[in-house]
Amino acid sequence: MTEAATFIDLRFHRDFYAGAAIDEAVKVFARFGEFHLSEAPDAWCVRMRALRPAQTQRLAHELANYVLGVTVQRGGAT
């Protein structure tokens, strides 16, 4: 597997994160990476990688931080 093919899988537990916050974050960061959204019974799932492979881990952290911030602004997961 090459570095360019490396994806990171993120899971945002439904009890703690708003699904709309994940949608918003992916739209904001779309120009920096490739994102695939899915759902599990207990979590919102994001499979992602940065357009610059060396930045994938940083992009994952920035996305997660943004999701947290938007969830807090919305008053929580619900």
C-alpha atoms as a PDB file:
ATOM      1  CA  MET A   1       0.000   0.000   0.000  1.00  0.00           C
ATOM      2  CA  THR A   2       1.382   3.384  -0.936  1.00  0.00           C
ATOM      3  CA  GLU A   3       1.239   6.412   1.281  1.00  0.00           C
ATOM      4  CA  ALA A   4      -1.247   8.001  -1.137  1.00  0.00           C
ATOM      5  CA  ALA A   5      -3.740   5.169  -0.534  1.00  0.00           C
ATOM      6  CA  THR A   6      -3.820   5.554   3.252  1.00  0.00           C
ATOM      7  CA  PHE A   7      -7.222   6.358   4.703  1.00  0.00           C
ATOM      8  CA  ILE A   8      -8.153   7.150   8.298  1.00  0.00           C
ATOM      9  CA  ASP A   9     -11.447   5.993   9.762  1.00  0.00           C
ATOM     10  CA  LEU A  10     -13.121   8.287  12.295  1.00  0.00           C
ATOM     11  CA  ARG A  11     -16.139   7.366  14.421  1.00  0.00           C
ATOM     12  CA  PHE A  12     -18.254  10.007  16.142  1.00  0.00           C
ATOM     13  CA  HIS A  13     -20.518   8.481  18.778  1.00  0.00           C
ATOM     14  CA  ARG A  14     -24.144   9.530  18.327  1.00  0.00           C
ATOM     15  CA  ASP A  15     -24.518  10.302  22.038  1.00  0.00           C
ATOM     16  CA  PHE A  16     -21.817  12.975  21.847  1.00  0.00           C
ATOM     17  CA  TYR A  17     -21.813  14.412  18.302  1.00  0.00           C
ATOM     18  CA  ALA A  18     -24.441  15.970  16.044  1.00  0.00           C
ATOM     19  CA  GLY A  19     -24.716  14.368  12.621  1.00  0.00           C
ATOM     20  CA  ALA A  20     -25.296  17.800  11.089  1.00  0.00           C
ATOM     21  CA  ALA A  21     -21.950  18.928  12.528  1.00  0.00           C
ATOM     22  CA  ILE A  22     -20.179  16.140  10.655  1.00  0.00           C
ATOM     23  CA  ASP A  23     -21.929  17.055   7.417  1.00  0.00           C
ATOM     24  CA  GLU A  24     -20.931  20.690   7.869  1.00  0.00           C
ATOM     25  CA  ALA A  25     -17.310  19.842   8.686  1.00  0.00           C
ATOM     26  CA  VAL A  26     -16.946  17.623   5.632  1.00  0.00           C
ATOM     27  CA  LYS A  27     -18.290  20.416   3.415  1.00  0.00           C
ATOM     28  CA  VAL A  28     -15.831  22.900   4.930  1.00  0.00           C
ATOM     29  CA  PHE A  29     -12.830  20.576   4.539  1.00  0.00           C
ATOM     30  CA  ALA A  30     -13.817  19.001   1.184  1.00  0.00           C
ATOM     31  CA  ARG A  31     -11.224  20.968  -0.757  1.00  0.00           C
ATOM     32  CA  PHE A  32      -8.444  19.418   1.361  1.00  0.00           C
ATOM     33  CA  GLY A  33      -9.327  15.735   1.129  1.00  0.00           C
ATOM     34  CA  GLU A  34     -11.516  12.841   0.125  1.00  0.00           C
ATOM     35  CA  PHE A  35     -14.344  11.909   2.491  1.00  0.00           C
ATOM     36  CA  HIS A  36     -16.783   8.990   2.603  1.00  0.00           C
ATOM     37  CA  LEU A  37     -19.645   9.134   5.102  1.00  0.00           C
ATOM     38  CA  SER A  38     -21.491   6.159   6.535  1.00  0.00           C
ATOM     39  CA  GLU A  39     -23.480   5.268   9.613  1.00  0.00           C
ATOM     40  CA  ALA A  40     -23.238   2.591  12.277  1.00  0.00           C
ATOM     41  CA  PRO A  41     -25.965   1.979  14.859  1.00  0.00           C
ATOM     42  CA  ASP A  42     -24.004   3.944  17.481  1.00  0.00           C
ATOM     43  CA  ALA A  43     -21.802   6.271  15.429  1.00  0.00           C
ATOM     44  CA  TRP A  44     -21.400   8.552  12.448  1.00  0.00           C
ATOM     45  CA  CYS A  45     -18.434   7.246  10.426  1.00  0.00           C
ATOM     46  CA  VAL A  46     -16.020   9.136   8.201  1.00  0.00           C
ATOM     47  CA  ARG A  47     -13.386   7.454   6.044  1.00  0.00           C
ATOM     48  CA  MET A  48     -10.980  10.119   4.839  1.00  0.00           C
ATOM     49  CA  ARG A  49      -7.600  11.012   3.434  1.00  0.00           C
ATOM     50  CA  ALA A  50      -5.921  14.294   2.612  1.00  0.00           C
ATOM     51  CA  LEU A  51      -5.060  15.306  -0.937  1.00  0.00           C
ATOM     52  CA  ARG A  52      -1.509  15.698   0.369  1.00  0.00           C
ATOM     53  CA  PRO A  53      -0.844  12.269   1.936  1.00  0.00           C
ATOM     54  CA  ALA A  54       1.521  13.635   4.580  1.00  0.00           C
ATOM     55  CA  GLN A  55      -1.317  15.803   5.898  1.00  0.00           C
ATOM     56  CA  THR A  56      -3.919  13.052   6.454  1.00  0.00           C
ATOM     57  CA  GLN A  57      -3.412  12.768  10.208  1.00  0.00           C
ATOM     58  CA  ARG A  58      -3.513  16.532  10.680  1.00  0.00           C
ATOM     59  CA  LEU A  59      -6.628  16.844   8.534  1.00  0.00           C
ATOM     60  CA  ALA A  60      -8.330  14.140  10.619  1.00  0.00           C
ATOM     61  CA  HIS A  61      -7.552  16.070  13.811  1.00  0.00           C
ATOM     62  CA  GLU A  62      -8.767  19.360  12.331  1.00  0.00           C
ATOM     63  CA  LEU A  63     -11.983  17.748  11.100  1.00  0.00           C
ATOM     64  CA  ALA A  64     -12.668  16.159  14.495  1.00  0.00           C
ATOM     65  CA  ASN A  65     -12.011  19.458  16.263  1.00  0.00           C
ATOM     66  CA  TYR A  66     -14.381  21.274  13.913  1.00  0.00           C
ATOM     67  CA  VAL A  67     -17.091  18.645  14.467  1.00  0.00           C
ATOM     68  CA  LEU A  68     -16.729  19.066  18.236  1.00  0.00           C
ATOM     69  CA  GLY A  69     -16.940  22.855  17.990  1.00  0.00           C
ATOM     70  CA  VAL A  70     -20.075  22.808  15.825  1.00  0.00           C
ATOM     71  CA  THR A  71     -21.691  20.215  18.095  1.00  0.00           C
ATOM     72  CA  VAL A  72     -21.068  22.447  21.120  1.00  0.00           C
ATOM     73  CA  GLN A  73     -22.430  25.507  19.277  1.00  0.00           C
ATOM     74  CA  ARG A  74     -25.590  23.544  18.447  1.00  0.00           C
ATOM     75  CA  GLY A  75     -26.068  22.635  22.095  1.00  0.00           C
ATOM     76  CA  GLY A  76     -25.061  18.994  21.920  1.00  0.00           C
ATOM     77  CA  ALA A  77     -25.771  15.844  19.957  1.00  0.00           C
ATOM     78  CA  THR A  78     -29.517  16.332  19.737  1.00  0.00           C
END
